[in-house]
Amino acid sequence: MCPLRRSFPLVQIISTTTATTTSATTALSLASTPPPTPTVTDRVFMDFSLCPNNFLPDRADTISPLCSDSSLLGRVILGLYGNLVPITVSNFKSMCLGLNATSSSYKNTLVHRVFPGQYFLAGRQGRPDKGEVRPPHDLPRNTETVDAKAFALTHSRPGVVSLSLSENDDDDEIKLDPAYRNVEFLVTTGPGPCPQLDNKNIVFGTVLEGNGGASLCNGDSEILN
């Protein structure tokens, strides 16, 4: 199915707070049979809004929103599985917390592809002035991408958050950089499961509250206590 390209929303992170581990909301299964029952260790909120068109101004200032007249769609709270895939979760939180103008973060970046009734993609690397993520070079290498246990959870319902590996569309020039770190993520929007994503992408969280992410968006994000 071709991705929807009629309008480009932005994911904008304004608040920057210290990440705090929360109490687990579910217990990690001790059973050896996958998939495990994940533990929600951290929460992140993102406020999503819709850009009215796909024409982006040529901005050098990456702090200013690319779409200043966007309409708010709502807040989404994500629960992250830090006990199951700690490196993936840690890198995602670091991208949410970009602390200054030169830090790589999801701030002012586009949800660049939407597959209606399936999922959307965000976090493509490239030019910040075009709504793409500044390539991060200070993140730990994610060894979970070659760990079979990290792929145990499935995309069985709406609201699954995963590190995009099979669907990653960063340019090859960026991927060939020895310091390359993949930070592209996807969120399933439903109504049904997306089995084509299973065993190929690392599920590291879930939508706990809100449905703004089911539409195209731009937003605030913050680590919650």
C-alpha atoms as a PDB file:
ATOM      1  CA  MET A   1       0.000   0.000   0.000  1.00  0.00           C
ATOM      2  CA  CYS A   2       1.346   3.412  -0.922  1.00  0.00           C
ATOM      3  CA  PRO A   3       2.040   5.776   1.972  1.00  0.00           C
ATOM      4  CA  LEU A   4      -0.129   8.838   2.445  1.00  0.00           C
ATOM      5  CA  ARG A   5       1.726  11.998   1.362  1.00  0.00           C
ATOM      6  CA  ARG A   6      -0.974  14.673   1.248  1.00  0.00           C
ATOM      7  CA  SER A   7       0.273  16.578   4.289  1.00  0.00           C
ATOM      8  CA  PHE A   8       3.342  16.419   6.501  1.00  0.00           C
ATOM      9  CA  PRO A   9       2.981  16.762  10.278  1.00  0.00           C
ATOM     10  CA  LEU A  10       5.847  17.484  12.653  1.00  0.00           C
ATOM     11  CA  VAL A  11       6.921  15.809  15.864  1.00  0.00           C
ATOM     12  CA  GLN A  12       8.299  18.610  18.038  1.00  0.00           C
ATOM     13  CA  ILE A  13       9.859  18.133  21.460  1.00  0.00           C
ATOM     14  CA  ILE A  14       9.825  21.300  23.574  1.00  0.00           C
ATOM     15  CA  SER A  15      10.245  20.200  27.198  1.00  0.00           C
ATOM     16  CA  THR A  16      13.577  18.681  28.207  1.00  0.00           C
ATOM     17  CA  THR A  17      13.628  16.965  31.589  1.00  0.00           C
ATOM     18  CA  THR A  18      15.759  14.333  33.253  1.00  0.00           C
ATOM     19  CA  ALA A  19      14.609  10.812  32.463  1.00  0.00           C
ATOM     20  CA  THR A  20      13.178   9.067  35.490  1.00  0.00           C
ATOM     21  CA  THR A  21      12.484   5.353  35.767  1.00  0.00           C
ATOM     22  CA  THR A  22       8.944   4.653  36.888  1.00  0.00           C
ATOM     23  CA  SER A  23       7.507   1.724  38.781  1.00  0.00           C
ATOM     24  CA  ALA A  24       6.815  -1.251  36.593  1.00  0.00           C
ATOM     25  CA  THR A  25       3.195  -1.504  35.541  1.00  0.00           C
ATOM     26  CA  THR A  26       3.358  -5.109  34.407  1.00  0.00           C
ATOM     27  CA  ALA A  27       5.620  -8.015  35.338  1.00  0.00           C
ATOM     28  CA  LEU A  28       8.121  -9.499  32.921  1.00  0.00           C
ATOM     29  CA  SER A  29       7.145 -13.071  32.228  1.00  0.00           C
ATOM     30  CA  LEU A  30       9.444 -15.756  33.587  1.00  0.00           C
ATOM     31  CA  ALA A  31       8.227 -18.233  31.015  1.00  0.00           C
ATOM     32  CA  SER A  32      10.714 -19.216  28.350  1.00  0.00           C
ATOM     33  CA  THR A  33       8.092 -19.242  25.598  1.00  0.00           C
ATOM     34  CA  PRO A  34       8.008 -15.982  23.628  1.00  0.00           C
ATOM     35  CA  PRO A  35       6.590 -13.449  23.442  1.00  0.00           C
ATOM     36  CA  PRO A  36       7.357 -12.172  26.954  1.00  0.00           C
ATOM     37  CA  THR A  37       5.065  -9.893  28.915  1.00  0.00           C
ATOM     38  CA  PRO A  38       6.906  -6.554  28.877  1.00  0.00           C
ATOM     39  CA  THR A  39       7.481  -4.169  31.772  1.00  0.00           C
ATOM     40  CA  VAL A  40       6.682  -0.483  31.322  1.00  0.00           C
ATOM     41  CA  THR A  41       9.596   1.279  32.999  1.00  0.00           C
ATOM     42  CA  ASP A  42       9.318   4.805  31.571  1.00  0.00           C
ATOM     43  CA  ARG A  43       6.727   7.087  30.016  1.00  0.00           C
ATOM     44  CA  VAL A  44       7.102   9.743  27.334  1.00  0.00           C
ATOM     45  CA  PHE A  45       4.449  12.149  26.110  1.00  0.00           C
ATOM     46  CA  MET A  46       4.190  13.586  22.610  1.00  0.00           C
ATOM     47  CA  ASP A  47       1.704  16.241  21.522  1.00  0.00           C
ATOM     48  CA  PHE A  48       0.728  15.721  17.898  1.00  0.00           C
ATOM     49  CA  SER A  49      -0.577  18.353  15.504  1.00  0.00           C
ATOM     50  CA  LEU A  50      -1.320  18.450  11.806  1.00  0.00           C
ATOM     51  CA  CYS A  51       0.436  20.648   9.265  1.00  0.00           C
ATOM     52  CA  PRO A  52      -2.103  22.112   6.798  1.00  0.00           C
ATOM     53  CA  ASN A  53       0.094  21.468   3.746  1.00  0.00           C
ATOM     54  CA  ASN A  54       3.348  19.881   2.663  1.00  0.00           C
ATOM     55  CA  PHE A  55       5.205  23.060   1.731  1.00  0.00           C
ATOM     56  CA  LEU A  56       7.983  23.678   4.214  1.00  0.00           C
ATOM     57  CA  PRO A  57       9.801  27.021   4.541  1.00  0.00           C
ATOM     58  CA  ASP A  58      13.552  27.070   4.008  1.00  0.00           C
ATOM     59  CA  ARG A  59      14.643  27.547   7.616  1.00  0.00           C
ATOM     60  CA  ALA A  60      18.173  27.476   9.007  1.00  0.00           C
ATOM     61  CA  ASP A  61      16.849  27.829  12.567  1.00  0.00           C
ATOM     62  CA  THR A  62      16.073  24.317  13.772  1.00  0.00           C
ATOM     63  CA  ILE A  63      14.475  25.646  16.965  1.00  0.00           C
ATOM     64  CA  SER A  64      11.577  27.356  15.186  1.00  0.00           C
ATOM     65  CA  PRO A  65       8.702  25.073  14.174  1.00  0.00           C
ATOM     66  CA  LEU A  66       8.616  24.165  10.505  1.00  0.00           C
ATOM     67  CA  CYS A  67       4.858  24.572  10.587  1.00  0.00           C
ATOM     68  CA  SER A  68       3.804  27.468  12.804  1.00  0.00           C
ATOM     69  CA  ASP A  69       0.079  27.243  12.048  1.00  0.00           C
ATOM     70  CA  SER A  70      -0.455  23.552  12.749  1.00  0.00           C
ATOM     71  CA  SER A  71      -3.622  22.297  14.457  1.00  0.00           C
ATOM     72  CA  LEU A  72      -3.362  20.252  17.650  1.00  0.00           C
ATOM     73  CA  LEU A  73      -4.537  16.648  17.398  1.00  0.00           C
ATOM     74  CA  GLY A  74      -3.883  15.539  20.969  1.00  0.00           C
ATOM     75  CA  ARG A  75      -1.396  14.117  23.424  1.00  0.00           C
ATOM     76  CA  VAL A  76      -0.077  10.572  23.299  1.00  0.00           C
ATOM     77  CA  ILE A  77       1.638   8.921  26.272  1.00  0.00           C
ATOM     78  CA  LEU A  78       4.050   6.138  25.380  1.00  0.00           C
ATOM     79  CA  GLY A  79       5.111   3.413  27.800  1.00  0.00           C
ATOM     80  CA  LEU A  80       8.638   2.106  27.189  1.00  0.00           C
ATOM     81  CA  TYR A  81       9.955  -1.401  27.892  1.00  0.00           C
ATOM     82  CA  GLY A  82      13.301  -0.534  29.453  1.00  0.00           C
ATOM     83  CA  ASN A  83      13.722  -3.906  31.166  1.00  0.00           C
ATOM     84  CA  LEU A  84      13.303  -5.784  27.894  1.00  0.00           C
ATOM     85  CA  VAL A  85      15.342  -3.661  25.452  1.00  0.00           C
ATOM     86  CA  PRO A  86      17.283  -1.151  27.596  1.00  0.00           C
ATOM     87  CA  ILE A  87      19.600   0.173  24.872  1.00  0.00           C
ATOM     88  CA  THR A  88      16.769   0.841  22.431  1.00  0.00           C
ATOM     89  CA  VAL A  89      14.740   2.599  25.131  1.00  0.00           C
ATOM     90  CA  SER A  90      17.711   4.617  26.367  1.00  0.00           C
ATOM     91  CA  ASN A  91      18.528   5.840  22.856  1.00  0.00           C
ATOM     92  CA  PHE A  92      14.887   6.760  22.222  1.00  0.00           C
ATOM     93  CA  LYS A  93      14.735   8.776  25.445  1.00  0.00           C
ATOM     94  CA  SER A  94      17.984  10.516  24.534  1.00  0.00           C
ATOM     95  CA  MET A  95      16.454  11.538  21.211  1.00  0.00           C
ATOM     96  CA  CYS A  96      13.401  12.893  23.027  1.00  0.00           C
ATOM     97  CA  LEU A  97      15.558  14.930  25.392  1.00  0.00           C
ATOM     98  CA  GLY A  98      17.764  16.805  22.886  1.00  0.00           C
ATOM     99  CA  LEU A  99      19.090  19.413  25.301  1.00  0.00           C
ATOM    100  CA  ASN A 100      20.356  22.162  22.981  1.00  0.00           C
ATOM    101  CA  ALA A 101      20.253  23.474  19.449  1.00  0.00           C
ATOM    102  CA  THR A 102      23.096  21.246  18.266  1.00  0.00           C
ATOM    103  CA  SER A 103      21.812  18.034  19.849  1.00  0.00           C
ATOM    104  CA  SER A 104      20.170  15.444  17.670  1.00  0.00           C
ATOM    105  CA  SER A 105      16.528  14.979  18.638  1.00  0.00           C
ATOM    106  CA  TYR A 106      13.029  14.402  17.297  1.00  0.00           C
ATOM    107  CA  LYS A 107      12.271  18.104  17.786  1.00  0.00           C
ATOM    108  CA  ASN A 108      10.804  19.736  14.669  1.00  0.00           C
ATOM    109  CA  THR A 109      10.967  16.503  12.674  1.00  0.00           C
ATOM    110  CA  LEU A 110       8.395  15.067  10.304  1.00  0.00           C
ATOM    111  CA  VAL A 111       6.261  12.004  10.529  1.00  0.00           C
ATOM    112  CA  HIS A 112       7.453  11.348   7.020  1.00  0.00           C
ATOM    113  CA  ARG A 113       5.457   8.293   5.945  1.00  0.00           C
ATOM    114  CA  VAL A 114       1.983   7.067   6.794  1.00  0.00           C
ATOM    115  CA  PHE A 115       0.473   3.753   5.744  1.00  0.00           C
ATOM    116  CA  PRO A 116      -3.277   4.211   6.384  1.00  0.00           C
ATOM    117  CA  GLY A 117      -4.732   1.506   8.601  1.00  0.00           C
ATOM    118  CA  GLN A 118      -1.277   0.149   9.448  1.00  0.00           C
ATOM    119  CA  TYR A 119       1.449   2.425  10.886  1.00  0.00           C
ATOM    120  CA  PHE A 120       3.389   5.654  10.551  1.00  0.00           C
ATOM    121  CA  LEU A 121       7.145   6.295  10.449  1.00  0.00           C
ATOM    122  CA  ALA A 122       9.128   9.108  12.107  1.00  0.00           C
ATOM    123  CA  GLY A 123      12.789   9.848  12.825  1.00  0.00           C
ATOM    124  CA  ARG A 124      14.253   9.782   9.321  1.00  0.00           C
ATOM    125  CA  GLN A 125      17.785  11.229   9.350  1.00  0.00           C
ATOM    126  CA  GLY A 126      18.953  14.019   7.091  1.00  0.00           C
ATOM    127  CA  ARG A 127      18.579  17.799   7.016  1.00  0.00           C
ATOM    128  CA  PRO A 128      16.985  19.407  10.101  1.00  0.00           C
ATOM    129  CA  ASP A 129      15.821  22.389   8.023  1.00  0.00           C
ATOM    130  CA  LYS A 130      13.730  19.944   5.986  1.00  0.00           C
ATOM    131  CA  GLY A 131      12.158  18.315   9.037  1.00  0.00           C
ATOM    132  CA  GLU A 132      14.598  15.401   9.221  1.00  0.00           C
ATOM    133  CA  VAL A 133      16.590  14.267  12.267  1.00  0.00           C
ATOM    134  CA  ARG A 134      20.151  15.502  12.607  1.00  0.00           C
ATOM    135  CA  PRO A 135      22.282  12.319  12.441  1.00  0.00           C
ATOM    136  CA  PRO A 136      23.217  11.439  16.037  1.00  0.00           C
ATOM    137  CA  HIS A 137      26.840  10.490  16.680  1.00  0.00           C
ATOM    138  CA  ASP A 138      26.876  10.321  20.471  1.00  0.00           C
ATOM    139  CA  LEU A 139      24.460   7.438  21.067  1.00  0.00           C
ATOM    140  CA  PRO A 140      25.656   3.991  22.192  1.00  0.00           C
ATOM    141  CA  ARG A 141      25.759   1.381  19.459  1.00  0.00           C
ATOM    142  CA  ASN A 142      22.552  -0.643  19.675  1.00  0.00           C
ATOM    143  CA  THR A 143      23.670  -4.267  19.940  1.00  0.00           C
ATOM    144  CA  GLU A 144      20.044  -5.322  20.472  1.00  0.00           C
ATOM    145  CA  THR A 145      19.547  -5.140  16.703  1.00  0.00           C
ATOM    146  CA  VAL A 146      21.457  -8.435  16.436  1.00  0.00           C
ATOM    147  CA  ASP A 147      19.935 -10.051  19.528  1.00  0.00           C
ATOM    148  CA  ALA A 148      17.136 -12.480  18.656  1.00  0.00           C
ATOM    149  CA  LYS A 149      15.472 -11.954  22.060  1.00  0.00           C
ATOM    150  CA  ALA A 150      14.877  -8.281  21.219  1.00  0.00           C
ATOM    151  CA  PHE A 151      12.504  -9.311  18.422  1.00  0.00           C
ATOM    152  CA  ALA A 152      10.221 -11.456  20.589  1.00  0.00           C
ATOM    153  CA  LEU A 153       7.317  -8.986  20.820  1.00  0.00           C
ATOM    154  CA  THR A 154       4.917  -8.683  17.892  1.00  0.00           C
ATOM    155  CA  HIS A 155       2.959  -5.899  16.205  1.00  0.00           C
ATOM    156  CA  SER A 156      -0.303  -7.535  17.207  1.00  0.00           C
ATOM    157  CA  ARG A 157      -2.495  -4.476  17.825  1.00  0.00           C
ATOM    158  CA  PRO A 158      -2.737  -0.710  17.393  1.00  0.00           C
ATOM    159  CA  GLY A 159      -0.365   1.412  19.482  1.00  0.00           C
ATOM    160  CA  VAL A 160       2.769  -0.735  19.232  1.00  0.00           C
ATOM    161  CA  VAL A 161       5.977   1.351  19.144  1.00  0.00           C
ATOM    162  CA  SER A 162       9.066  -0.174  17.552  1.00  0.00           C
ATOM    163  CA  LEU A 163      12.513   0.675  16.242  1.00  0.00           C
ATOM    164  CA  SER A 164      12.223   0.668  12.464  1.00  0.00           C
ATOM    165  CA  LEU A 165      14.734  -1.707  10.913  1.00  0.00           C
ATOM    166  CA  SER A 166      13.096  -3.411   7.935  1.00  0.00           C
ATOM    167  CA  GLU A 167      11.135  -0.238   7.100  1.00  0.00           C
ATOM    168  CA  ASN A 168      14.022   2.173   7.687  1.00  0.00           C
ATOM    169  CA  ASP A 169      14.455   4.546   4.748  1.00  0.00           C
ATOM    170  CA  ASP A 170      17.517   6.573   5.751  1.00  0.00           C
ATOM    171  CA  ASP A 171      19.696   7.321   2.741  1.00  0.00           C
ATOM    172  CA  ASP A 172      22.523   4.847   2.078  1.00  0.00           C
ATOM    173  CA  GLU A 173      25.066   7.660   2.359  1.00  0.00           C
ATOM    174  CA  ILE A 174      23.982   8.196   5.958  1.00  0.00           C
ATOM    175  CA  LYS A 175      23.853   4.476   6.766  1.00  0.00           C
ATOM    176  CA  LEU A 176      27.416   3.956   5.526  1.00  0.00           C
ATOM    177  CA  ASP A 177      28.789   6.413   8.091  1.00  0.00           C
ATOM    178  CA  PRO A 178      30.714   4.336  10.704  1.00  0.00           C
ATOM    179  CA  ALA A 179      29.056   6.461  13.412  1.00  0.00           C
ATOM    180  CA  TYR A 180      25.522   5.792  12.077  1.00  0.00           C
ATOM    181  CA  ARG A 181      22.848   5.111  14.705  1.00  0.00           C
ATOM    182  CA  ASN A 182      19.343   4.159  13.623  1.00  0.00           C
ATOM    183  CA  VAL A 183      16.702   6.223  15.460  1.00  0.00           C
ATOM    184  CA  GLU A 184      13.760   5.838  13.081  1.00  0.00           C
ATOM    185  CA  PHE A 185      10.657   4.478  14.790  1.00  0.00           C
ATOM    186  CA  LEU A 186       7.163   3.396  13.845  1.00  0.00           C
ATOM    187  CA  VAL A 187       3.817   3.285  15.631  1.00  0.00           C
ATOM    188  CA  THR A 188       1.024   0.947  14.539  1.00  0.00           C
ATOM    189  CA  THR A 189      -2.322   2.694  14.107  1.00  0.00           C
ATOM    190  CA  GLY A 190      -4.689  -0.209  13.559  1.00  0.00           C
ATOM    191  CA  PRO A 191      -7.359  -1.304  13.303  1.00  0.00           C
ATOM    192  CA  GLY A 192      -5.674  -4.667  12.885  1.00  0.00           C
ATOM    193  CA  PRO A 193      -2.237  -6.207  13.522  1.00  0.00           C
ATOM    194  CA  CYS A 194       0.795  -5.746  11.241  1.00  0.00           C
ATOM    195  CA  PRO A 195       2.371  -9.216  11.112  1.00  0.00           C
ATOM    196  CA  GLN A 196       4.607  -8.162   8.213  1.00  0.00           C
ATOM    197  CA  LEU A 197       6.614  -6.120  10.740  1.00  0.00           C
ATOM    198  CA  ASP A 198       7.182  -9.000  13.175  1.00  0.00           C
ATOM    199  CA  ASN A 199      10.703 -10.430  13.667  1.00  0.00           C
ATOM    200  CA  LYS A 200      12.099  -7.517  11.645  1.00  0.00           C
ATOM    201  CA  ASN A 201      11.645  -4.519  13.970  1.00  0.00           C
ATOM    202  CA  ILE A 202      12.261  -4.135  17.718  1.00  0.00           C
ATOM    203  CA  VAL A 203       9.116  -3.454  19.736  1.00  0.00           C
ATOM    204  CA  PHE A 204      10.133  -1.222  22.653  1.00  0.00           C
ATOM    205  CA  GLY A 205       6.919   0.428  23.807  1.00  0.00           C
ATOM    206  CA  THR A 206       3.197   0.968  23.574  1.00  0.00           C
ATOM    207  CA  VAL A 207       0.687   3.795  23.472  1.00  0.00           C
ATOM    208  CA  LEU A 208      -0.764   4.076  26.990  1.00  0.00           C
ATOM    209  CA  GLU A 209      -3.078   7.046  26.451  1.00  0.00           C
ATOM    210  CA  GLY A 210      -4.316   9.153  23.567  1.00  0.00           C
ATOM    211  CA  ASN A 211      -4.777   8.603  19.852  1.00  0.00           C
ATOM    212  CA  GLY A 212      -3.276  11.755  18.305  1.00  0.00           C
ATOM    213  CA  GLY A 213      -0.496   9.681  16.827  1.00  0.00           C
ATOM    214  CA  ALA A 214      -2.983   7.805  14.676  1.00  0.00           C
ATOM    215  CA  SER A 215      -3.163  11.004  12.611  1.00  0.00           C
ATOM    216  CA  LEU A 216      -0.281  12.947  11.143  1.00  0.00           C
ATOM    217  CA  CYS A 217       1.364  15.142  13.681  1.00  0.00           C
ATOM    218  CA  ASN A 218       3.778  17.578  15.352  1.00  0.00           C
ATOM    219  CA  GLY A 219       4.406  17.758  19.050  1.00  0.00           C
ATOM    220  CA  ASP A 220       5.820  18.339  22.488  1.00  0.00           C
ATOM    221  CA  SER A 221       7.457  15.442  24.237  1.00  0.00           C
ATOM    222  CA  GLU A 222       8.720  14.914  27.750  1.00  0.00           C
ATOM    223  CA  ILE A 223       9.821  12.133  30.063  1.00  0.00           C
ATOM    224  CA  LEU A 224       7.197  11.714  32.780  1.00  0.00           C
ATOM    225  CA  ASN A 225       7.801  10.717  36.391  1.00  0.00           C
END
